[in-house]
Amino acid sequence: FIISRDNAKNTVYLQMNSLKPEDTAVYYCAAG
């Protein structure tokens, strides 16, 4: 997985590769 952000677009990304069945879940983003 790779997390990245584009502050000009107010967006954060999570690139998920080589996914496995155990990655199954609801994914949430959060700000602190």
All heavy atoms as atom14 arrays in JSON, in Angstrom:
{
  "sequence": "FIISRDNAKNTVYLQMNSLKPEDTAVYYCAAG",
  "atom14_mask": [
    [1, 1, 1, 1, 1, 1, 1, 1, 1, 1, 1, 0, 0, 0],
    [1, 1, 1, 1, 1, 1, 1, 1, 0, 0, 0, 0, 0, 0],
    [1, 1, 1, 1, 1, 1, 1, 1, 0, 0, 0, 0, 0, 0],
    [1, 1, 1, 1, 1, 1, 0, 0, 0, 0, 0, 0, 0, 0],
    [1, 1, 1, 1, 1, 1, 1, 1, 1, 1, 1, 0, 0, 0],
    [1, 1, 1, 1, 1, 1, 1, 1, 0, 0, 0, 0, 0, 0],
    [1, 1, 1, 1, 1, 1, 1, 1, 0, 0, 0, 0, 0, 0],
    [1, 1, 1, 1, 1, 0, 0, 0, 0, 0, 0, 0, 0, 0],
    [1, 1, 1, 1, 1, 1, 1, 1, 1, 0, 0, 0, 0, 0],
    [1, 1, 1, 1, 1, 1, 1, 1, 0, 0, 0, 0, 0, 0],
    [1, 1, 1, 1, 1, 1, 1, 0, 0, 0, 0, 0, 0, 0],
    [1, 1, 1, 1, 1, 1, 1, 0, 0, 0, 0, 0, 0, 0],
    [1, 1, 1, 1, 1, 1, 1, 1, 1, 1, 1, 1, 0, 0],
    [1, 1, 1, 1, 1, 1, 1, 1, 0, 0, 0, 0, 0, 0],
    [1, 1, 1, 1, 1, 1, 1, 1, 1, 0, 0, 0, 0, 0],
    [1, 1, 1, 1, 1, 1, 1, 1, 0, 0, 0, 0, 0, 0],
    [1, 1, 1, 1, 1, 1, 1, 1, 0, 0, 0, 0, 0, 0],
    [1, 1, 1, 1, 1, 1, 0, 0, 0, 0, 0, 0, 0, 0],
    [1, 1, 1, 1, 1, 1, 1, 1, 0, 0, 0, 0, 0, 0],
    [1, 1, 1, 1, 1, 1, 1, 1, 1, 0, 0, 0, 0, 0],
    [1, 1, 1, 1, 1, 1, 1, 0, 0, 0, 0, 0, 0, 0],
    [1, 1, 1, 1, 1, 1, 1, 1, 1, 0, 0, 0, 0, 0],
    [1, 1, 1, 1, 1, 1, 1, 1, 0, 0, 0, 0, 0, 0],
    [1, 1, 1, 1, 1, 1, 1, 0, 0, 0, 0, 0, 0, 0],
    [1, 1, 1, 1, 1, 0, 0, 0, 0, 0, 0, 0, 0, 0],
    [1, 1, 1, 1, 1, 1, 1, 0, 0, 0, 0, 0, 0, 0],
    [1, 1, 1, 1, 1, 1, 1, 1, 1, 1, 1, 1, 0, 0],
    [1, 1, 1, 1, 1, 1, 1, 1, 1, 1, 1, 1, 0, 0],
    [1, 1, 1, 1, 1, 1, 0, 0, 0, 0, 0, 0, 0, 0],
    [1, 1, 1, 1, 1, 0, 0, 0, 0, 0, 0, 0, 0, 0],
    [1, 1, 1, 1, 1, 0, 0, 0, 0, 0, 0, 0, 0, 0],
    [1, 1, 1, 1, 0, 0, 0, 0, 0, 0, 0, 0, 0, 0]
  ],
  "atom14_positions": [
    [[0.84, -1.19, 0.0], [0.0, 0.0, 0.0], [0.88, 1.26, 0.0], [1.96, 1.26, 0.58], [-0.9, 0.04, 1.24], [-2.0, -0.98, 1.27], [-2.05, -2.05, 0.38], [-3.0, -0.88, 2.23], [-3.06, -2.99, 0.43], [-4.02, -1.81, 2.29], [-4.05, -2.87, 1.4], [0.0, 0.0, 0.0], [0.0, 0.0, 0.0], [0.0, 0.0, 0.0]],
    [[0.36, 2.3, -0.63], [1.05, 3.6, -0.63], [0.05, 4.69, -0.33], [-0.96, 4.83, -1.03], [1.72, 3.88, -1.99], [2.74, 2.79, -2.33], [2.4, 5.25, -1.97], [3.29, 2.9, -3.74], [0.0, 0.0, 0.0], [0.0, 0.0, 0.0], [0.0, 0.0, 0.0], [0.0, 0.0, 0.0], [0.0, 0.0, 0.0], [0.0, 0.0, 0.0]],
    [[0.36, 5.48, 0.7], [-0.48, 6.64, 1.02], [0.18, 7.88, 0.44], [1.41, 8.02, 0.47], [-0.68, 6.78, 2.55], [-1.68, 7.89, 2.85], [0.65, 6.99, 3.28], [-2.09, 7.94, 4.34], [0.0, 0.0, 0.0], [0.0, 0.0, 0.0], [0.0, 0.0, 0.0], [0.0, 0.0, 0.0], [0.0, 0.0, 0.0], [0.0, 0.0, 0.0]],
    [[-0.64, 8.77, -0.11], [-0.11, 10.01, -0.67], [-1.19, 11.09, -0.52], [-2.33, 10.78, -0.2], [0.27, 9.83, -2.14], [-0.85, 9.48, -2.92], [0.0, 0.0, 0.0], [0.0, 0.0, 0.0], [0.0, 0.0, 0.0], [0.0, 0.0, 0.0], [0.0, 0.0, 0.0], [0.0, 0.0, 0.0], [0.0, 0.0, 0.0], [0.0, 0.0, 0.0]],
    [[-0.79, 12.32, -0.75], [-1.76, 13.42, -0.65], [-1.43, 14.48, -1.67], [-0.27, 14.66, -2.07], [-1.77, 14.0, 0.76], [-0.51, 14.74, 1.17], [-0.53, 15.07, 2.67], [-1.62, 15.97, 3.01], [-2.06, 16.15, 4.26], [-1.52, 15.46, 5.26], [-3.04, 17.01, 4.5], [0.0, 0.0, 0.0], [0.0, 0.0, 0.0], [0.0, 0.0, 0.0]],
    [[-2.46, 15.19, -2.08], [-2.33, 16.34, -2.97], [-3.03, 17.49, -2.28], [-4.26, 17.6, -2.31], [-2.97, 16.03, -4.33], [-2.75, 17.13, -5.35], [-2.51, 18.28, -4.93], [-2.84, 16.84, -6.55], [0.0, 0.0, 0.0], [0.0, 0.0, 0.0], [0.0, 0.0, 0.0], [0.0, 0.0, 0.0], [0.0, 0.0, 0.0], [0.0, 0.0, 0.0]],
    [[-2.25, 18.33, -1.63], [-2.85, 19.42, -0.85], [-3.55, 20.45, -1.74], [-4.47, 21.14, -1.29], [-1.79, 20.08, 0.01], [-1.39, 19.22, 1.2], [-2.11, 18.27, 1.56], [-0.25, 19.5, 1.8], [0.0, 0.0, 0.0], [0.0, 0.0, 0.0], [0.0, 0.0, 0.0], [0.0, 0.0, 0.0], [0.0, 0.0, 0.0], [0.0, 0.0, 0.0]],
    [[-3.13, 20.56, -2.98], [-3.8, 21.49, -3.89], [-5.21, 21.01, -4.23], [-6.08, 21.82, -4.55], [-2.98, 21.65, -5.16], [0.0, 0.0, 0.0], [0.0, 0.0, 0.0], [0.0, 0.0, 0.0], [0.0, 0.0, 0.0], [0.0, 0.0, 0.0], [0.0, 0.0, 0.0], [0.0, 0.0, 0.0], [0.0, 0.0, 0.0], [0.0, 0.0, 0.0]],
    [[-5.42, 19.69, -4.15], [-6.73, 19.12, -4.46], [-7.48, 18.7, -3.2], [-8.56, 18.11, -3.28], [-6.57, 17.91, -5.38], [-6.02, 18.25, -6.76], [-5.95, 17.01, -7.64], [-5.45, 17.38, -9.04], [-5.36, 16.17, -9.92], [0.0, 0.0, 0.0], [0.0, 0.0, 0.0], [0.0, 0.0, 0.0], [0.0, 0.0, 0.0], [0.0, 0.0, 0.0]],
    [[-6.91, 18.97, -2.03], [-7.55, 18.57, -0.76], [-7.92, 17.09, -0.76], [-9.02, 16.71, -0.32], [-8.8, 19.41, -0.5], [-8.49, 20.78, 0.06], [-7.34, 21.21, 0.04], [-9.5, 21.48, 0.55], [0.0, 0.0, 0.0], [0.0, 0.0, 0.0], [0.0, 0.0, 0.0], [0.0, 0.0, 0.0], [0.0, 0.0, 0.0], [0.0, 0.0, 0.0]],
    [[-7.0, 16.26, -1.22], [-7.3, 14.84, -1.37], [-6.14, 13.99, -0.87], [-4.97, 14.32, -1.1], [-7.6, 14.5, -2.84], [-8.69, 15.31, -3.31], [-7.98, 13.03, -2.99], [0.0, 0.0, 0.0], [0.0, 0.0, 0.0], [0.0, 0.0, 0.0], [0.0, 0.0, 0.0], [0.0, 0.0, 0.0], [0.0, 0.0, 0.0], [0.0, 0.0, 0.0]],
    [[-6.48, 12.91, -0.2], [-5.51, 11.91, 0.21], [-5.88, 10.6, -0.47], [-7.06, 10.31, -0.69], [-5.44, 11.77, 1.75], [-6.77, 11.3, 2.31], [-4.32, 10.84, 2.17], [0.0, 0.0, 0.0], [0.0, 0.0, 0.0], [0.0, 0.0, 0.0], [0.0, 0.0, 0.0], [0.0, 0.0, 0.0], [0.0, 0.0, 0.0], [0.0, 0.0, 0.0]],
    [[-4.87, 9.84, -0.83], [-5.07, 8.6, -1.58], [-4.48, 7.41, -0.83], [-3.56, 7.55, -0.03], [-4.39, 8.7, -2.95], [-4.8, 9.88, -3.77], [-4.03, 11.05, -3.78], [-5.96, 9.84, -4.55], [-4.42, 12.15, -4.54], [-6.34, 10.93, -5.31], [-5.57, 12.08, -5.3], [-5.95, 13.17, -6.05], [0.0, 0.0, 0.0], [0.0, 0.0, 0.0]],
    [[-5.01, 6.24, -1.14], [-4.42, 4.99, -0.67], [-4.38, 4.04, -1.87], [-5.43, 3.53, -2.29], [-5.2, 4.38, 0.48], [-4.56, 3.14, 1.1], [-3.26, 3.53, 1.84], [-5.51, 2.44, 2.07], [0.0, 0.0, 0.0], [0.0, 0.0, 0.0], [0.0, 0.0, 0.0], [0.0, 0.0, 0.0], [0.0, 0.0, 0.0], [0.0, 0.0, 0.0]],
    [[-3.2, 3.86, -2.43], [-3.01, 2.91, -3.51], [-2.77, 1.54, -2.9], [-1.82, 1.36, -2.13], [-1.82, 3.31, -4.38], [-1.5, 2.33, -5.5], [-2.58, 2.29, -6.56], [-3.09, 3.32, -6.98], [-2.94, 1.09, -7.0], [0.0, 0.0, 0.0], [0.0, 0.0, 0.0], [0.0, 0.0, 0.0], [0.0, 0.0, 0.0], [0.0, 0.0, 0.0]],
    [[-3.62, 0.59, -3.24], [-3.55, -0.74, -2.65], [-3.23, -1.75, -3.75], [-4.03, -1.92, -4.68], [-4.87, -1.09, -1.96], [-5.3, -0.07, -0.92], [-6.76, -0.58, 0.01], [-7.97, -0.61, -1.28], [0.0, 0.0, 0.0], [0.0, 0.0, 0.0], [0.0, 0.0, 0.0], [0.0, 0.0, 0.0], [0.0, 0.0, 0.0], [0.0, 0.0, 0.0]],
    [[-2.09, -2.39, -3.64], [-1.64, -3.37, -4.62], [-1.53, -4.75, -3.97], [-1.49, -4.86, -2.74], [-0.29, -2.96, -5.2], [-0.31, -1.6, -5.85], [-1.26, -1.26, -6.56], [0.72, -0.81, -5.62], [0.0, 0.0, 0.0], [0.0, 0.0, 0.0], [0.0, 0.0, 0.0], [0.0, 0.0, 0.0], [0.0, 0.0, 0.0], [0.0, 0.0, 0.0]],
    [[-1.46, -5.77, -4.8], [-1.32, -7.15, -4.31], [-2.31, -7.44, -3.2], [-1.96, -7.97, -2.14], [0.11, -7.39, -3.82], [1.05, -7.15, -4.84], [0.0, 0.0, 0.0], [0.0, 0.0, 0.0], [0.0, 0.0, 0.0], [0.0, 0.0, 0.0], [0.0, 0.0, 0.0], [0.0, 0.0, 0.0], [0.0, 0.0, 0.0], [0.0, 0.0, 0.0]],
    [[-3.55, -7.1, -3.44], [-4.58, -7.24, -2.41], [-4.81, -8.69, -2.03], [-4.72, -9.6, -2.87], [-5.88, -6.59, -2.88], [-5.88, -5.06, -2.77], [-6.97, -4.45, -3.65], [-6.06, -4.64, -1.33], [0.0, 0.0, 0.0], [0.0, 0.0, 0.0], [0.0, 0.0, 0.0], [0.0, 0.0, 0.0], [0.0, 0.0, 0.0], [0.0, 0.0, 0.0]],
    [[-5.12, -8.89, -0.75], [-5.36, -10.22, -0.2], [-6.77, -10.27, 0.39], [-7.31, -9.22, 0.79], [-4.35, -10.51, 0.9], [-2.9, -10.39, 0.48], [-1.97, -10.59, 1.66], [-0.5, -10.46, 1.26], [0.42, -10.65, 2.41], [0.0, 0.0, 0.0], [0.0, 0.0, 0.0], [0.0, 0.0, 0.0], [0.0, 0.0, 0.0], [0.0, 0.0, 0.0]],
    [[-7.36, -11.45, 0.5], [-8.69, -11.54, 1.11], [-8.74, -10.92, 2.51], [-9.78, -10.34, 2.88], [-8.94, -13.05, 1.15], [-8.17, -13.57, -0.01], [-6.93, -12.74, -0.06], [0.0, 0.0, 0.0], [0.0, 0.0, 0.0], [0.0, 0.0, 0.0], [0.0, 0.0, 0.0], [0.0, 0.0, 0.0], [0.0, 0.0, 0.0], [0.0, 0.0, 0.0]],
    [[-7.66, -10.99, 3.25], [-7.65, -10.42, 4.6], [-7.64, -8.89, 4.6], [-7.74, -8.26, 5.66], [-6.47, -10.95, 5.42], [-5.13, -10.84, 4.73], [-4.72, -12.13, 4.04], [-5.58, -12.77, 3.36], [-3.53, -12.51, 4.14], [0.0, 0.0, 0.0], [0.0, 0.0, 0.0], [0.0, 0.0, 0.0], [0.0, 0.0, 0.0], [0.0, 0.0, 0.0]],
    [[-7.51, -8.27, 3.45], [-7.63, -6.81, 3.34], [-9.1, -6.37, 3.26], [-9.38, -5.17, 3.28], [-6.9, -6.3, 2.1], [-5.4, -6.49, 2.18], [-4.82, -6.26, 3.26], [-4.81, -6.88, 1.16], [0.0, 0.0, 0.0], [0.0, 0.0, 0.0], [0.0, 0.0, 0.0], [0.0, 0.0, 0.0], [0.0, 0.0, 0.0], [0.0, 0.0, 0.0]],
    [[-10.01, -7.33, 3.16], [-11.43, -7.0, 3.08], [-11.89, -6.29, 4.34], [-11.69, -6.76, 5.46], [-12.26, -8.28, 2.88], [-11.93, -8.85, 1.6], [-13.75, -7.99, 2.94], [0.0, 0.0, 0.0], [0.0, 0.0, 0.0], [0.0, 0.0, 0.0], [0.0, 0.0, 0.0], [0.0, 0.0, 0.0], [0.0, 0.0, 0.0], [0.0, 0.0, 0.0]],
    [[-12.49, -5.11, 4.16], [-12.93, -4.29, 5.29], [-13.59, -3.03, 4.74], [-13.53, -2.74, 3.54], [-11.75, -3.9, 6.17], [0.0, 0.0, 0.0], [0.0, 0.0, 0.0], [0.0, 0.0, 0.0], [0.0, 0.0, 0.0], [0.0, 0.0, 0.0], [0.0, 0.0, 0.0], [0.0, 0.0, 0.0], [0.0, 0.0, 0.0], [0.0, 0.0, 0.0]],
    [[-14.19, -2.28, 5.65], [-14.59, -0.91, 5.34], [-13.39, -0.02, 5.66], [-12.84, -0.1, 6.76], [-15.82, -0.47, 6.15], [-16.15, 0.99, 5.85], [-17.01, -1.37, 5.85], [0.0, 0.0, 0.0], [0.0, 0.0, 0.0], [0.0, 0.0, 0.0], [0.0, 0.0, 0.0], [0.0, 0.0, 0.0], [0.0, 0.0, 0.0], [0.0, 0.0, 0.0]],
    [[-13.01, 0.79, 4.69], [-11.86, 1.67, 4.84], [-12.32, 3.1, 5.1], [-13.2, 3.62, 4.4], [-10.99, 1.63, 3.58], [-10.14, 0.39, 3.51], [-10.72, -0.86, 3.26], [-8.77, 0.44, 3.71], [-9.95, -2.02, 3.22], [-7.99, -0.71, 3.67], [-8.58, -1.93, 3.42], [-7.82, -3.07, 3.38], [0.0, 0.0, 0.0], [0.0, 0.0, 0.0]],
    [[-11.72, 3.7, 6.12], [-12.07, 5.05, 6.55], [-10.86, 5.96, 6.44], [-9.75, 5.55, 6.8], [-12.54, 5.07, 8.0], [-13.76, 4.25, 8.29], [-13.65, 2.91, 8.64], [-15.04, 4.81, 8.23], [-14.77, 2.14, 8.92], [-16.16, 4.06, 8.51], [-16.03, 2.72, 8.86], [-17.14, 1.98, 9.13], [0.0, 0.0, 0.0], [0.0, 0.0, 0.0]],
    [[-11.07, 7.19, 6.0], [-10.01, 8.17, 6.14], [-10.34, 9.07, 7.32], [-11.5, 9.21, 7.71], [-9.79, 8.98, 4.86], [-11.05, 10.19, 4.47], [0.0, 0.0, 0.0], [0.0, 0.0, 0.0], [0.0, 0.0, 0.0], [0.0, 0.0, 0.0], [0.0, 0.0, 0.0], [0.0, 0.0, 0.0], [0.0, 0.0, 0.0], [0.0, 0.0, 0.0]],
    [[-9.31, 9.65, 7.89], [-9.45, 10.45, 9.09], [-8.45, 11.59, 9.07], [-7.37, 11.48, 8.48], [-9.24, 9.58, 10.33], [0.0, 0.0, 0.0], [0.0, 0.0, 0.0], [0.0, 0.0, 0.0], [0.0, 0.0, 0.0], [0.0, 0.0, 0.0], [0.0, 0.0, 0.0], [0.0, 0.0, 0.0], [0.0, 0.0, 0.0], [0.0, 0.0, 0.0]],
    [[-8.81, 12.68, 9.74], [-7.95, 13.85, 9.82], [-7.67, 14.18, 11.28], [-8.6, 14.19, 12.1], [-8.61, 15.04, 9.13], [0.0, 0.0, 0.0], [0.0, 0.0, 0.0], [0.0, 0.0, 0.0], [0.0, 0.0, 0.0], [0.0, 0.0, 0.0], [0.0, 0.0, 0.0], [0.0, 0.0, 0.0], [0.0, 0.0, 0.0], [0.0, 0.0, 0.0]],
    [[-6.42, 14.46, 11.56], [-6.01, 14.86, 12.9], [-5.06, 16.04, 12.81], [-4.63, 16.42, 11.73], [0.0, 0.0, 0.0], [0.0, 0.0, 0.0], [0.0, 0.0, 0.0], [0.0, 0.0, 0.0], [0.0, 0.0, 0.0], [0.0, 0.0, 0.0], [0.0, 0.0, 0.0], [0.0, 0.0, 0.0], [0.0, 0.0, 0.0], [0.0, 0.0, 0.0]]
  ]
}
